Amino acid sequence: MWLPETAVDDETLDVLAVEGIRFTVLAPHQVERVPAGGRPGWHRTAGGRRIALFLYDGALSHDVAFGPLVRDPAAWIERLTARKGANGGSADVPEVLAIATDGETFGHHHRKAPSRSPVCSTP
């Protein structure tokens, strides 16, 4: 579950876990330590429950929502190539890269933007 504007506290995470939600998406500045390689981390709530935390890449997410990345495939390739191993992992080990943006990106921030962001996969 992606909480509105990633607003979160321990009590909210505990309620999510009670309700069977297994993970949420947060900004990297919302955690004490960002796991290497973009991997998810775990949070143990005060109630003793565990929930996975996936962190989105703040700079890339911003540039999708407000910058040129929605319309510029060459900029995507340049940004993704430049970050190889930049997320605390090895350049030879695939990393998890999450980008979070909302519906306003497609039509409000970017008029006539594509209905989905470009998808990049590794072999």
PDB file of N, CA and C in Angstrom:
ATOM      1  N   MET A   1       0.848  -1.180   0.000  1.00  0.00           N
ATOM      2  CA  MET A   1       0.000   0.000   0.000  1.00  0.00           C
ATOM      3  C   MET A   1       0.888   1.237   0.000  1.00  0.00           C
ATOM      4  N   TRP A   2       0.540   2.193  -0.852  1.00  0.00           N
ATOM      5  CA  TRP A   2       1.237   3.466  -0.868  1.00  0.00           C
ATOM      6  C   TRP A   2       0.356   4.457  -0.124  1.00  0.00           C
ATOM      7  N   LEU A   3       0.797   4.880   1.027  1.00  0.00           N
ATOM      8  CA  LEU A   3       0.048   5.837   1.845  1.00  0.00           C
ATOM      9  C   LEU A   3       0.081   7.218   1.180  1.00  0.00           C
ATOM     10  N   PRO A   4      -0.962   8.011   1.314  1.00  0.00           N
ATOM     11  CA  PRO A   4      -0.982   9.338   0.695  1.00  0.00           C
ATOM     12  C   PRO A   4       0.244  10.157   1.091  1.00  0.00           C
ATOM     13  N   GLU A   5       0.952  10.627   0.069  1.00  0.00           N
ATOM     14  CA  GLU A   5       2.168  11.415   0.283  1.00  0.00           C
ATOM     15  C   GLU A   5       3.168  10.690   1.184  1.00  0.00           C
ATOM     16  N   THR A   6       3.085   9.410   1.249  1.00  0.00           N
ATOM     17  CA  THR A   6       3.906   8.533   2.100  1.00  0.00           C
ATOM     18  C   THR A   6       3.890   8.948   3.572  1.00  0.00           C
ATOM     19  N   ALA A   7       2.772   9.540   4.002  1.00  0.00           N
ATOM     20  CA  ALA A   7       2.625   9.931   5.410  1.00  0.00           C
ATOM     21  C   ALA A   7       2.545   8.661   6.248  1.00  0.00           C
ATOM     22  N   VAL A   8       3.426   8.546   7.237  1.00  0.00           N
ATOM     23  CA  VAL A   8       3.511   7.293   7.983  1.00  0.00           C
ATOM     24  C   VAL A   8       4.033   7.539   9.388  1.00  0.00           C
ATOM     25  N   ASP A   9       3.618   6.681  10.296  1.00  0.00           N
ATOM     26  CA  ASP A   9       4.190   6.613  11.627  1.00  0.00           C
ATOM     27  C   ASP A   9       4.091   5.157  12.076  1.00  0.00           C
ATOM     28  N   ASP A  10       4.640   4.846  13.217  1.00  0.00           N
ATOM     29  CA  ASP A  10       4.658   3.463  13.689  1.00  0.00           C
ATOM     30  C   ASP A  10       3.249   2.902  13.866  1.00  0.00           C
ATOM     31  N   GLU A  11       2.341   3.706  14.402  1.00  0.00           N
ATOM     32  CA  GLU A  11       0.967   3.231  14.613  1.00  0.00           C
ATOM     33  C   GLU A  11       0.300   2.872  13.286  1.00  0.00           C
ATOM     34  N   THR A  12       0.508   3.703  12.260  1.00  0.00           N
ATOM     35  CA  THR A  12      -0.069   3.418  10.942  1.00  0.00           C
ATOM     36  C   THR A  12       0.494   2.122  10.379  1.00  0.00           C
ATOM     37  N   LEU A  13       1.804   1.926  10.494  1.00  0.00           N
ATOM     38  CA  LEU A  13       2.411   0.685  10.009  1.00  0.00           C
ATOM     39  C   LEU A  13       1.861  -0.525  10.762  1.00  0.00           C
ATOM     40  N   ASP A  14       1.626  -0.376  12.046  1.00  0.00           N
ATOM     41  CA  ASP A  14       1.066  -1.467  12.838  1.00  0.00           C
ATOM     42  C   ASP A  14      -0.351  -1.812  12.371  1.00  0.00           C
ATOM     43  N   VAL A  15      -1.166  -0.793  12.118  1.00  0.00           N
ATOM     44  CA  VAL A  15      -2.535  -1.021  11.636  1.00  0.00           C
ATOM     45  C   VAL A  15      -2.500  -1.724  10.278  1.00  0.00           C
ATOM     46  N   LEU A  16      -1.624  -1.283   9.395  1.00  0.00           N
ATOM     47  CA  LEU A  16      -1.500  -1.943   8.097  1.00  0.00           C
ATOM     48  C   LEU A  16      -1.172  -3.423   8.277  1.00  0.00           C
ATOM     49  N   ALA A  17      -0.201  -3.720   9.144  1.00  0.00           N
ATOM     50  CA  ALA A  17       0.203  -5.107   9.383  1.00  0.00           C
ATOM     51  C   ALA A  17      -0.952  -5.926   9.966  1.00  0.00           C
ATOM     52  N   VAL A  18      -1.698  -5.344  10.896  1.00  0.00           N
ATOM     53  CA  VAL A  18      -2.858  -6.035  11.479  1.00  0.00           C
ATOM     54  C   VAL A  18      -3.856  -6.399  10.381  1.00  0.00           C
ATOM     55  N   GLU A  19      -4.035  -5.508   9.419  1.00  0.00           N
ATOM     56  CA  GLU A  19      -5.007  -5.713   8.344  1.00  0.00           C
ATOM     57  C   GLU A  19      -4.477  -6.599   7.213  1.00  0.00           C
ATOM     58  N   GLY A  20      -3.282  -7.119   7.380  1.00  0.00           N
ATOM     59  CA  GLY A  20      -2.744  -8.038   6.378  1.00  0.00           C
ATOM     60  C   GLY A  20      -1.948  -7.391   5.263  1.00  0.00           C
ATOM     61  N   ILE A  21      -1.755  -6.089   5.346  1.00  0.00           N
ATOM     62  CA  ILE A  21      -0.916  -5.405   4.360  1.00  0.00           C
ATOM     63  C   ILE A  21       0.522  -5.821   4.643  1.00  0.00           C
ATOM     64  N   ARG A  22       1.214  -6.277   3.620  1.00  0.00           N
ATOM     65  CA  ARG A  22       2.552  -6.829   3.834  1.00  0.00           C
ATOM     66  C   ARG A  22       3.684  -5.855   3.548  1.00  0.00           C
ATOM     67  N   PHE A  23       3.385  -4.767   2.794  1.00  0.00           N
ATOM     68  CA  PHE A  23       4.443  -3.794   2.531  1.00  0.00           C
ATOM     69  C   PHE A  23       3.833  -2.435   2.219  1.00  0.00           C
ATOM     70  N   THR A  24       4.673  -1.412   2.314  1.00  0.00           N
ATOM     71  CA  THR A  24       4.311  -0.071   1.892  1.00  0.00           C
ATOM     72  C   THR A  24       5.509   0.546   1.195  1.00  0.00           C
ATOM     73  N   VAL A  25       5.273   1.631   0.504  1.00  0.00           N
ATOM     74  CA  VAL A  25       6.295   2.353  -0.244  1.00  0.00           C
ATOM     75  C   VAL A  25       6.581   3.657   0.491  1.00  0.00           C
ATOM     76  N   LEU A  26       7.856   3.928   0.729  1.00  0.00           N
ATOM     77  CA  LEU A  26       8.255   5.150   1.433  1.00  0.00           C
ATOM     78  C   LEU A  26       9.367   5.869   0.679  1.00  0.00           C
ATOM     79  N   ALA A  27       9.576   7.119   1.036  1.00  0.00           N
ATOM     80  CA  ALA A  27      10.708   7.886   0.525  1.00  0.00           C
ATOM     81  C   ALA A  27      11.956   7.490   1.318  1.00  0.00           C
ATOM     82  N   PRO A  28      13.127   7.559   0.708  1.00  0.00           N
ATOM     83  CA  PRO A  28      14.341   7.157   1.412  1.00  0.00           C
ATOM     84  C   PRO A  28      14.628   7.986   2.667  1.00  0.00           C
ATOM     85  N   HIS A  29      14.177   9.244   2.707  1.00  0.00           N
ATOM     86  CA  HIS A  29      14.447  10.072   3.887  1.00  0.00           C
ATOM     87  C   HIS A  29      13.586   9.672   5.097  1.00  0.00           C
ATOM     88  N   GLN A  30      12.638   8.744   4.892  1.00  0.00           N
ATOM     89  CA  GLN A  30      11.752   8.347   5.981  1.00  0.00           C
ATOM     90  C   GLN A  30      12.284   7.178   6.810  1.00  0.00           C
ATOM     91  N   VAL A  31      13.431   6.653   6.462  1.00  0.00           N
ATOM     92  CA  VAL A  31      13.986   5.528   7.205  1.00  0.00           C
ATOM     93  C   VAL A  31      15.360   5.903   7.752  1.00  0.00           C
ATOM     94  N   GLU A  32      15.758   5.217   8.799  1.00  0.00           N
ATOM     95  CA  GLU A  32      17.069   5.479   9.400  1.00  0.00           C
ATOM     96  C   GLU A  32      18.211   4.992   8.527  1.00  0.00           C
ATOM     97  N   ARG A  33      18.007   3.842   7.873  1.00  0.00           N
ATOM     98  CA  ARG A  33      19.062   3.252   7.050  1.00  0.00           C
ATOM     99  C   ARG A  33      18.435   2.690   5.783  1.00  0.00           C
ATOM    100  N   VAL A  34      18.981   3.071   4.639  1.00  0.00           N
ATOM    101  CA  VAL A  34      18.499   2.574   3.350  1.00  0.00           C
ATOM    102  C   VAL A  34      19.234   1.269   3.044  1.00  0.00           C
ATOM    103  N   PRO A  35      18.513   0.171   2.852  1.00  0.00           N
ATOM    104  CA  PRO A  35      19.175  -1.100   2.519  1.00  0.00           C
ATOM    105  C   PRO A  35      19.934  -1.009   1.194  1.00  0.00           C
ATOM    106  N   ALA A  36      21.035  -1.718   1.093  1.00  0.00           N
ATOM    107  CA  ALA A  36      21.854  -1.715  -0.123  1.00  0.00           C
ATOM    108  C   ALA A  36      21.094  -2.341  -1.282  1.00  0.00           C
ATOM    109  N   GLY A  37      21.424  -1.906  -2.469  1.00  0.00           N
ATOM    110  CA  GLY A  37      20.897  -2.503  -3.678  1.00  0.00           C
ATOM    111  C   GLY A  37      19.429  -2.256  -3.923  1.00  0.00           C
ATOM    112  N   GLY A  38      18.831  -1.300  -3.220  1.00  0.00           N
ATOM    113  CA  GLY A  38      17.420  -1.015  -3.425  1.00  0.00           C
ATOM    114  C   GLY A  38      16.489  -2.077  -2.874  1.00  0.00           C
ATOM    115  N   ARG A  39      17.045  -3.004  -2.108  1.00  0.00           N
ATOM    116  CA  ARG A  39      16.221  -4.081  -1.551  1.00  0.00           C
ATOM    117  C   ARG A  39      15.277  -3.522  -0.494  1.00  0.00           C
ATOM    118  N   PRO A  40      14.158  -4.193  -0.260  1.00  0.00           N
ATOM    119  CA  PRO A  40      13.253  -3.719   0.803  1.00  0.00           C
ATOM    120  C   PRO A  40      13.853  -3.962   2.178  1.00  0.00           C
ATOM    121  N   GLY A  41      13.412  -3.183   3.120  1.00  0.00           N
ATOM    122  CA  GLY A  41      13.807  -3.378   4.510  1.00  0.00           C
ATOM    123  C   GLY A  41      12.587  -3.783   5.326  1.00  0.00           C
ATOM    124  N   TRP A  42      12.821  -4.124   6.562  1.00  0.00           N
ATOM    125  CA  TRP A  42      11.737  -4.523   7.458  1.00  0.00           C
ATOM    126  C   TRP A  42      11.615  -3.525   8.585  1.00  0.00           C
ATOM    127  N   HIS A  43      10.386  -3.328   9.020  1.00  0.00           N
ATOM    128  CA  HIS A  43      10.127  -2.492  10.196  1.00  0.00           C
ATOM    129  C   HIS A  43       9.356  -3.332  11.200  1.00  0.00           C
ATOM    130  N   ARG A  44       9.818  -3.358  12.427  1.00  0.00           N
ATOM    131  CA  ARG A  44       9.084  -4.012  13.512  1.00  0.00           C
ATOM    132  C   ARG A  44       8.363  -2.923  14.275  1.00  0.00           C
ATOM    133  N   THR A  45       7.046  -3.023  14.328  1.00  0.00           N
ATOM    134  CA  THR A  45       6.236  -1.993  14.983  1.00  0.00           C
ATOM    135  C   THR A  45       6.303  -2.149  16.500  1.00  0.00           C
ATOM    136  N   ALA A  46       5.856  -1.132  17.204  1.00  0.00           N
ATOM    137  CA  ALA A  46       5.805  -1.201  18.665  1.00  0.00           C
ATOM    138  C   ALA A  46       4.883  -2.331  19.115  1.00  0.00           C
ATOM    139  N   GLY A  47       3.918  -2.697  18.261  1.00  0.00           N
ATOM    140  CA  GLY A  47       3.012  -3.802  18.560  1.00  0.00           C
ATOM    141  C   GLY A  47       3.608  -5.166  18.252  1.00  0.00           C
ATOM    142  N   GLY A  48       4.868  -5.196  17.779  1.00  0.00           N
ATOM    143  CA  GLY A  48       5.559  -6.453  17.521  1.00  0.00           C
ATOM    144  C   GLY A  48       5.311  -7.047  16.142  1.00  0.00           C
ATOM    145  N   ARG A  49       4.623  -6.322  15.279  1.00  0.00           N
ATOM    146  CA  ARG A  49       4.363  -6.825  13.933  1.00  0.00           C
ATOM    147  C   ARG A  49       5.459  -6.354  12.975  1.00  0.00           C
ATOM    148  N   ARG A  50       5.587  -7.074  11.865  1.00  0.00           N
ATOM    149  CA  ARG A  50       6.610  -6.748  10.881  1.00  0.00           C
ATOM    150  C   ARG A  50       5.951  -6.372   9.562  1.00  0.00           C
ATOM    151  N   ILE A  51       6.514  -5.350   8.907  1.00  0.00           N
ATOM    152  CA  ILE A  51       6.024  -4.926   7.596  1.00  0.00           C
ATOM    153  C   ILE A  51       7.238  -4.543   6.746  1.00  0.00           C
ATOM    154  N   ALA A  52       7.200  -4.923   5.480  1.00  0.00           N
ATOM    155  CA  ALA A  52       8.292  -4.600   4.557  1.00  0.00           C
ATOM    156  C   ALA A  52       8.149  -3.163   4.075  1.00  0.00           C
ATOM    157  N   LEU A  53       9.283  -2.504   3.912  1.00  0.00           N
ATOM    158  CA  LEU A  53       9.323  -1.132   3.426  1.00  0.00           C
ATOM    159  C   LEU A  53      10.109  -1.095   2.128  1.00  0.00           C
ATOM    160  N   PHE A  54       9.452  -0.701   1.046  1.00  0.00           N
ATOM    161  CA  PHE A  54      10.112  -0.500  -0.237  1.00  0.00           C
ATOM    162  C   PHE A  54      10.350   0.995  -0.379  1.00  0.00           C
ATOM    163  N   LEU A  55      11.560   1.373  -0.739  1.00  0.00           N
ATOM    164  CA  LEU A  55      11.906   2.781  -0.857  1.00  0.00           C
ATOM    165  C   LEU A  55      12.013   3.167  -2.320  1.00  0.00           C
ATOM    166  N   TYR A  56      11.377   4.268  -2.664  1.00  0.00           N
ATOM    167  CA  TYR A  56      11.499   4.730  -4.040  1.00  0.00           C
ATOM    168  C   TYR A  56      12.702   5.642  -4.184  1.00  0.00           C
ATOM    169  N   ASP A  57      13.204   5.755  -5.396  1.00  0.00           N
ATOM    170  CA  ASP A  57      14.313   6.650  -5.703  1.00  0.00           C
ATOM    171  C   ASP A  57      13.744   8.056  -5.830  1.00  0.00           C
ATOM    172  N   GLY A  58      14.121   8.917  -4.908  1.00  0.00           N
ATOM    173  CA  GLY A  58      13.557  10.261  -4.853  1.00  0.00           C
ATOM    174  C   GLY A  58      13.872  11.112  -6.063  1.00  0.00           C
ATOM    175  N   ALA A  59      15.120  11.107  -6.504  1.00  0.00           N
ATOM    176  CA  ALA A  59      15.511  11.960  -7.633  1.00  0.00           C
ATOM    177  C   ALA A  59      14.841  11.512  -8.927  1.00  0.00           C
ATOM    178  N   LEU A  60      14.853  10.208  -9.190  1.00  0.00           N
ATOM    179  CA  LEU A  60      14.201   9.721 -10.408  1.00  0.00           C
ATOM    180  C   LEU A  60      12.691   9.939 -10.357  1.00  0.00           C
ATOM    181  N   SER A  61      12.095   9.697  -9.209  1.00  0.00           N
ATOM    182  CA  SER A  61      10.652   9.907  -9.076  1.00  0.00           C
ATOM    183  C   SER A  61      10.288  11.359  -9.339  1.00  0.00           C
ATOM    184  N   HIS A  62      11.082  12.265  -8.807  1.00  0.00           N
ATOM    185  CA  HIS A  62      10.849  13.691  -9.030  1.00  0.00           C
ATOM    186  C   HIS A  62      10.945  14.029 -10.512  1.00  0.00           C
ATOM    187  N   ASP A  63      11.969  13.485 -11.179  1.00  0.00           N
ATOM    188  CA  ASP A  63      12.175  13.824 -12.581  1.00  0.00           C
ATOM    189  C   ASP A  63      11.170  13.150 -13.513  1.00  0.00           C
ATOM    190  N   VAL A  64      10.505  12.106 -13.058  1.00  0.00           N
ATOM    191  CA  VAL A  64       9.385  11.549 -13.809  1.00  0.00           C
ATOM    192  C   VAL A  64       8.182  12.476 -13.634  1.00  0.00           C
ATOM    193  N   ALA A  65       7.909  12.865 -12.395  1.00  0.00           N
ATOM    194  CA  ALA A  65       6.728  13.680 -12.102  1.00  0.00           C
ATOM    195  C   ALA A  65       6.840  15.109 -12.630  1.00  0.00           C
ATOM    196  N   PHE A  66       8.013  15.717 -12.501  1.00  0.00           N
ATOM    197  CA  PHE A  66       8.141  17.139 -12.805  1.00  0.00           C
ATOM    198  C   PHE A  66       9.196  17.468 -13.851  1.00  0.00           C
ATOM    199  N   GLY A  67      10.032  16.505 -14.192  1.00  0.00           N
ATOM    200  CA  GLY A  67      11.128  16.746 -15.129  1.00  0.00           C
ATOM    201  C   GLY A  67      10.882  16.130 -16.489  1.00  0.00           C
ATOM    202  N   PRO A  68      11.963  15.856 -17.208  1.00  0.00           N
ATOM    203  CA  PRO A  68      11.850  15.430 -18.603  1.00  0.00           C
ATOM    204  C   PRO A  68      11.671  13.926 -18.828  1.00  0.00           C
ATOM    205  N   LEU A  69      11.757  13.121 -17.801  1.00  0.00           N
ATOM    206  CA  LEU A  69      11.848  11.681 -18.028  1.00  0.00           C
ATOM    207  C   LEU A  69      10.596  11.041 -18.628  1.00  0.00           C
ATOM    208  N   VAL A  70       9.436  11.620 -18.444  1.00  0.00           N
ATOM    209  CA  VAL A  70       8.213  11.033 -19.014  1.00  0.00           C
ATOM    210  C   VAL A  70       8.281  11.022 -20.538  1.00  0.00           C
ATOM    211  N   ARG A  71       8.914  12.016 -21.109  1.00  0.00           N
ATOM    212  CA  ARG A  71       8.897  12.170 -22.570  1.00  0.00           C
ATOM    213  C   ARG A  71      10.233  11.890 -23.255  1.00  0.00           C
ATOM    214  N   ASP A  72      11.275  11.591 -22.515  1.00  0.00           N
ATOM    215  CA  ASP A  72      12.608  11.527 -23.113  1.00  0.00           C
ATOM    216  C   ASP A  72      13.295  10.183 -22.840  1.00  0.00           C
ATOM    217  N   PRO A  73      13.122   9.201 -23.733  1.00  0.00           N
ATOM    218  CA  PRO A  73      13.749   7.892 -23.525  1.00  0.00           C
ATOM    219  C   PRO A  73      15.271   7.960 -23.418  1.00  0.00           C
ATOM    220  N   ALA A  74      15.902   8.872 -24.135  1.00  0.00           N
ATOM    221  CA  ALA A  74      17.357   8.999 -24.063  1.00  0.00           C
ATOM    222  C   ALA A  74      17.784   9.440 -22.664  1.00  0.00           C
ATOM    223  N   ALA A  75      17.000  10.322 -22.053  1.00  0.00           N
ATOM    224  CA  ALA A  75      17.310  10.752 -20.678  1.00  0.00           C
ATOM    225  C   ALA A  75      17.174   9.589 -19.710  1.00  0.00           C
ATOM    226  N   TRP A  76      16.167   8.713 -19.928  1.00  0.00           N
ATOM    227  CA  TRP A  76      16.015   7.505 -19.091  1.00  0.00           C
ATOM    228  C   TRP A  76      17.274   6.653 -19.169  1.00  0.00           C
ATOM    229  N   ILE A  77      17.705   6.373 -20.387  1.00  0.00           N
ATOM    230  CA  ILE A  77      18.877   5.511 -20.581  1.00  0.00           C
ATOM    231  C   ILE A  77      20.095   6.130 -19.919  1.00  0.00           C
ATOM    232  N   GLU A  78      20.283   7.416 -20.110  1.00  0.00           N
ATOM    233  CA  GLU A  78      21.428   8.108 -19.508  1.00  0.00           C
ATOM    234  C   GLU A  78      21.389   8.024 -17.982  1.00  0.00           C
ATOM    235  N   ARG A  79      20.247   8.299 -17.388  1.00  0.00           N
ATOM    236  CA  ARG A  79      20.120   8.277 -15.923  1.00  0.00           C
ATOM    237  C   ARG A  79      20.315   6.875 -15.356  1.00  0.00           C
ATOM    238  N   LEU A  80      19.708   5.879 -16.009  1.00  0.00           N
ATOM    239  CA  LEU A  80      19.810   4.515 -15.500  1.00  0.00           C
ATOM    240  C   LEU A  80      21.213   3.951 -15.667  1.00  0.00           C
ATOM    241  N   THR A  81      21.871   4.280 -16.749  1.00  0.00           N
ATOM    242  CA  THR A  81      23.244   3.822 -16.975  1.00  0.00           C
ATOM    243  C   THR A  81      24.188   4.460 -15.967  1.00  0.00           C
ATOM    244  N   ALA A  82      23.998   5.726 -15.681  1.00  0.00           N
ATOM    245  CA  ALA A  82      24.868   6.451 -14.753  1.00  0.00           C
ATOM    246  C   ALA A  82      24.764   5.940 -13.327  1.00  0.00           C
ATOM    247  N   ARG A  83      23.649   5.318 -12.971  1.00  0.00           N
ATOM    248  CA  ARG A  83      23.452   4.906 -11.582  1.00  0.00           C
ATOM    249  C   ARG A  83      23.846   3.470 -11.321  1.00  0.00           C
ATOM    250  N   LYS A  84      24.362   2.747 -12.271  1.00  0.00           N
ATOM    251  CA  LYS A  84      24.723   1.344 -12.097  1.00  0.00           C
ATOM    252  C   LYS A  84      25.583   1.183 -10.844  1.00  0.00           C
ATOM    253  N   GLY A  85      25.062   0.469  -9.866  1.00  0.00           N
ATOM    254  CA  GLY A  85      25.776   0.249  -8.614  1.00  0.00           C
ATOM    255  C   GLY A  85      25.711   1.417  -7.652  1.00  0.00           C
ATOM    256  N   ALA A  86      24.979   2.478  -8.003  1.00  0.00           N
ATOM    257  CA  ALA A  86      24.939   3.684  -7.177  1.00  0.00           C
ATOM    258  C   ALA A  86      24.044   3.543  -5.965  1.00  0.00           C
ATOM    259  N   ASN A  87      23.250   2.491  -5.879  1.00  0.00           N
ATOM    260  CA  ASN A  87      22.294   2.326  -4.789  1.00  0.00           C
ATOM    261  C   ASN A  87      22.869   1.474  -3.657  1.00  0.00           C
ATOM    262  N   GLY A  88      24.178   1.547  -3.482  1.00  0.00           N
ATOM    263  CA  GLY A  88      24.805   0.813  -2.392  1.00  0.00           C
ATOM    264  C   GLY A  88      25.139  -0.620  -2.746  1.00  0.00           C
ATOM    265  N   GLY A  89      24.854  -1.035  -3.960  1.00  0.00           N
ATOM    266  CA  GLY A  89      25.134  -2.401  -4.378  1.00  0.00           C
ATOM    267  C   GLY A  89      26.322  -2.442  -5.316  1.00  0.00           C
ATOM    268  N   SER A  90      26.638  -3.623  -5.783  1.00  0.00           N
ATOM    269  CA  SER A  90      27.718  -3.827  -6.727  1.00  0.00           C
ATOM    270  C   SER A  90      27.216  -3.546  -8.135  1.00  0.00           C
ATOM    271  N   ALA A  91      28.082  -3.037  -8.994  1.00  0.00           N
ATOM    272  CA  ALA A  91      27.701  -2.774 -10.377  1.00  0.00           C
ATOM    273  C   ALA A  91      27.359  -4.068 -11.109  1.00  0.00           C
ATOM    274  N   ASP A  92      27.826  -5.212 -10.604  1.00  0.00           N
ATOM    275  CA  ASP A  92      27.570  -6.497 -11.253  1.00  0.00           C
ATOM    276  C   ASP A  92      26.316  -7.199 -10.733  1.00  0.00           C
ATOM    277  N   VAL A  93      25.741  -6.706  -9.661  1.00  0.00           N
ATOM    278  CA  VAL A  93      24.569  -7.340  -9.058  1.00  0.00           C
ATOM    279  C   VAL A  93      23.344  -6.473  -9.349  1.00  0.00           C
ATOM    280  N   PRO A  94      22.297  -7.064  -9.948  1.00  0.00           N
ATOM    281  CA  PRO A  94      21.098  -6.261 -10.232  1.00  0.00           C
ATOM    282  C   PRO A  94      20.532  -5.635  -8.961  1.00  0.00           C
ATOM    283  N   GLU A  95      20.018  -4.447  -9.093  1.00  0.00           N
ATOM    284  CA  GLU A  95      19.396  -3.777  -7.963  1.00  0.00           C
ATOM    285  C   GLU A  95      17.921  -3.579  -8.224  1.00  0.00           C
ATOM    286  N   VAL A  96      17.194  -3.335  -7.164  1.00  0.00           N
ATOM    287  CA  VAL A  96      15.779  -3.008  -7.274  1.00  0.00           C
ATOM    288  C   VAL A  96      15.681  -1.489  -7.357  1.00  0.00           C
ATOM    289  N   LEU A  97      14.961  -1.014  -8.331  1.00  0.00           N
ATOM    290  CA  LEU A  97      14.790   0.420  -8.493  1.00  0.00           C
ATOM    291  C   LEU A  97      13.299   0.711  -8.540  1.00  0.00           C
ATOM    292  N   ALA A  98      12.824   1.455  -7.564  1.00  0.00           N
ATOM    293  CA  ALA A  98      11.403   1.803  -7.509  1.00  0.00           C
ATOM    294  C   ALA A  98      11.248   3.295  -7.790  1.00  0.00           C
ATOM    295  N   ILE A  99      10.284   3.588  -8.617  1.00  0.00           N
ATOM    296  CA  ILE A  99       9.933   4.970  -8.914  1.00  0.00           C
ATOM    297  C   ILE A  99       8.468   5.137  -8.546  1.00  0.00           C
ATOM    298  N   ALA A 100       8.166   6.168  -7.783  1.00  0.00           N
ATOM    299  CA  ALA A 100       6.793   6.410  -7.348  1.00  0.00           C
ATOM    300  C   ALA A 100       6.352   7.777  -7.852  1.00  0.00           C
ATOM    301  N   THR A 101       5.196   7.792  -8.476  1.00  0.00           N
ATOM    302  CA  THR A 101       4.591   9.035  -8.923  1.00  0.00           C
ATOM    303  C   THR A 101       3.072   8.849  -8.883  1.00  0.00           C
ATOM    304  N   ASP A 102       2.360   9.915  -8.933  1.00  0.00           N
ATOM    305  CA  ASP A 102       0.907   9.780  -8.857  1.00  0.00           C
ATOM    306  C   ASP A 102       0.258  10.116 -10.193  1.00  0.00           C
ATOM    307  N   GLY A 103      -1.040   9.961 -10.258  1.00  0.00           N
ATOM    308  CA  GLY A 103      -1.780  10.179 -11.490  1.00  0.00           C
ATOM    309  C   GLY A 103      -1.690  11.585 -12.040  1.00  0.00           C
ATOM    310  N   GLU A 104      -1.378  12.557 -11.193  1.00  0.00           N
ATOM    311  CA  GLU A 104      -1.257  13.938 -11.667  1.00  0.00           C
ATOM    312  C   GLU A 104      -0.153  14.090 -12.705  1.00  0.00           C
ATOM    313  N   THR A 105       0.828  13.196 -12.665  1.00  0.00           N
ATOM    314  CA  THR A 105       1.928  13.265 -13.620  1.00  0.00           C
ATOM    315  C   THR A 105       1.411  13.170 -15.045  1.00  0.00           C
ATOM    316  N   PHE A 106       0.425  12.317 -15.251  1.00  0.00           N
ATOM    317  CA  PHE A 106      -0.038  12.006 -16.595  1.00  0.00           C
ATOM    318  C   PHE A 106      -1.268  12.838 -16.946  1.00  0.00           C
ATOM    319  N   GLY A 107      -1.017  14.064 -17.415  1.00  0.00           N
ATOM    320  CA  GLY A 107      -2.092  14.939 -17.828  1.00  0.00           C
ATOM    321  C   GLY A 107      -2.091  16.274 -17.119  1.00  0.00           C
ATOM    322  N   HIS A 108      -1.638  16.318 -15.851  1.00  0.00           N
ATOM    323  CA  HIS A 108      -1.628  17.580 -15.116  1.00  0.00           C
ATOM    324  C   HIS A 108      -0.219  18.185 -15.149  1.00  0.00           C
ATOM    325  N   HIS A 109       0.760  17.472 -14.646  1.00  0.00           N
ATOM    326  CA  HIS A 109       2.142  17.982 -14.672  1.00  0.00           C
ATOM    327  C   HIS A 109       2.694  17.970 -16.099  1.00  0.00           C
ATOM    328  N   HIS A 110       2.280  16.972 -16.876  1.00  0.00           N
ATOM    329  CA  HIS A 110       2.732  16.830 -18.260  1.00  0.00           C
ATOM    330  C   HIS A 110       1.509  16.649 -19.150  1.00  0.00           C
ATOM    331  N   ARG A 111       1.137  17.694 -19.874  1.00  0.00           N
ATOM    332  CA  ARG A 111      -0.012  17.613 -20.780  1.00  0.00           C
ATOM    333  C   ARG A 111       0.226  16.532 -21.822  1.00  0.00           C
ATOM    334  N   LYS A 112      -0.787  15.695 -22.035  1.00  0.00           N
ATOM    335  CA  LYS A 112      -0.759  14.621 -23.020  1.00  0.00           C
ATOM    336  C   LYS A 112       0.423  13.675 -22.823  1.00  0.00           C
ATOM    337  N   ALA A 113       0.796  13.465 -21.577  1.00  0.00           N
ATOM    338  CA  ALA A 113       1.881  12.524 -21.284  1.00  0.00           C
ATOM    339  C   ALA A 113       1.423  11.114 -21.597  1.00  0.00           C
ATOM    340  N   PRO A 114       2.370  10.207 -21.875  1.00  0.00           N
ATOM    341  CA  PRO A 114       1.972   8.818 -22.095  1.00  0.00           C
ATOM    342  C   PRO A 114       1.248   8.279 -20.866  1.00  0.00           C
ATOM    343  N   SER A 115       0.357   7.341 -21.068  1.00  0.00           N
ATOM    344  CA  SER A 115      -0.430   6.832 -19.946  1.00  0.00           C
ATOM    345  C   SER A 115       0.376   5.958 -18.996  1.00  0.00           C
ATOM    346  N   ARG A 116       1.583   5.627 -19.349  1.00  0.00           N
ATOM    347  CA  ARG A 116       2.439   4.871 -18.436  1.00  0.00           C
ATOM    348  C   ARG A 116       3.878   5.268 -18.680  1.00  0.00           C
ATOM    349  N   SER A 117       4.675   5.076 -17.662  1.00  0.00           N
ATOM    350  CA  SER A 117       6.099   5.413 -17.755  1.00  0.00           C
ATOM    351  C   SER A 117       6.818   4.322 -18.538  1.00  0.00           C
ATOM    352  N   PRO A 118       7.956   4.645 -19.147  1.00  0.00           N
ATOM    353  CA  PRO A 118       8.742   3.614 -19.826  1.00  0.00           C
ATOM    354  C   PRO A 118       9.187   2.569 -18.831  1.00  0.00           C
ATOM    355  N   VAL A 119       9.223   1.341 -19.265  1.00  0.00           N
ATOM    356  CA  VAL A 119       9.650   0.237 -18.414  1.00  0.00           C
ATOM    357  C   VAL A 119      11.010  -0.222 -18.901  1.00  0.00           C
ATOM    358  N   CYS A 120      11.903  -0.428 -17.993  1.00  0.00           N
ATOM    359  CA  CYS A 120      13.248  -0.871 -18.340  1.00  0.00           C
ATOM    360  C   CYS A 120      13.505  -2.199 -17.652  1.00  0.00           C
ATOM    361  N   SER A 121      13.992  -3.167 -18.363  1.00  0.00           N
ATOM    362  CA  SER A 121      14.328  -4.443 -17.751  1.00  0.00           C
ATOM    363  C   SER A 121      15.772  -4.774 -18.059  1.00  0.00           C
ATOM    364  N   THR A 122      16.340  -5.644 -17.255  1.00  0.00           N
ATOM    365  CA  THR A 122      17.709  -6.070 -17.488  1.00  0.00           C
ATOM    366  C   THR A 122      17.690  -7.519 -17.944  1.00  0.00           C
ATOM    367  N   PRO A 123      18.638  -7.899 -18.779  1.00  0.00           N
ATOM    368  CA  PRO A 123      18.665  -9.277 -19.274  1.00  0.00           C
ATOM    369  C   PRO A 123      18.946 -10.278 -18.178  1.00  0.00           C
TER     370      PRO A 123
END
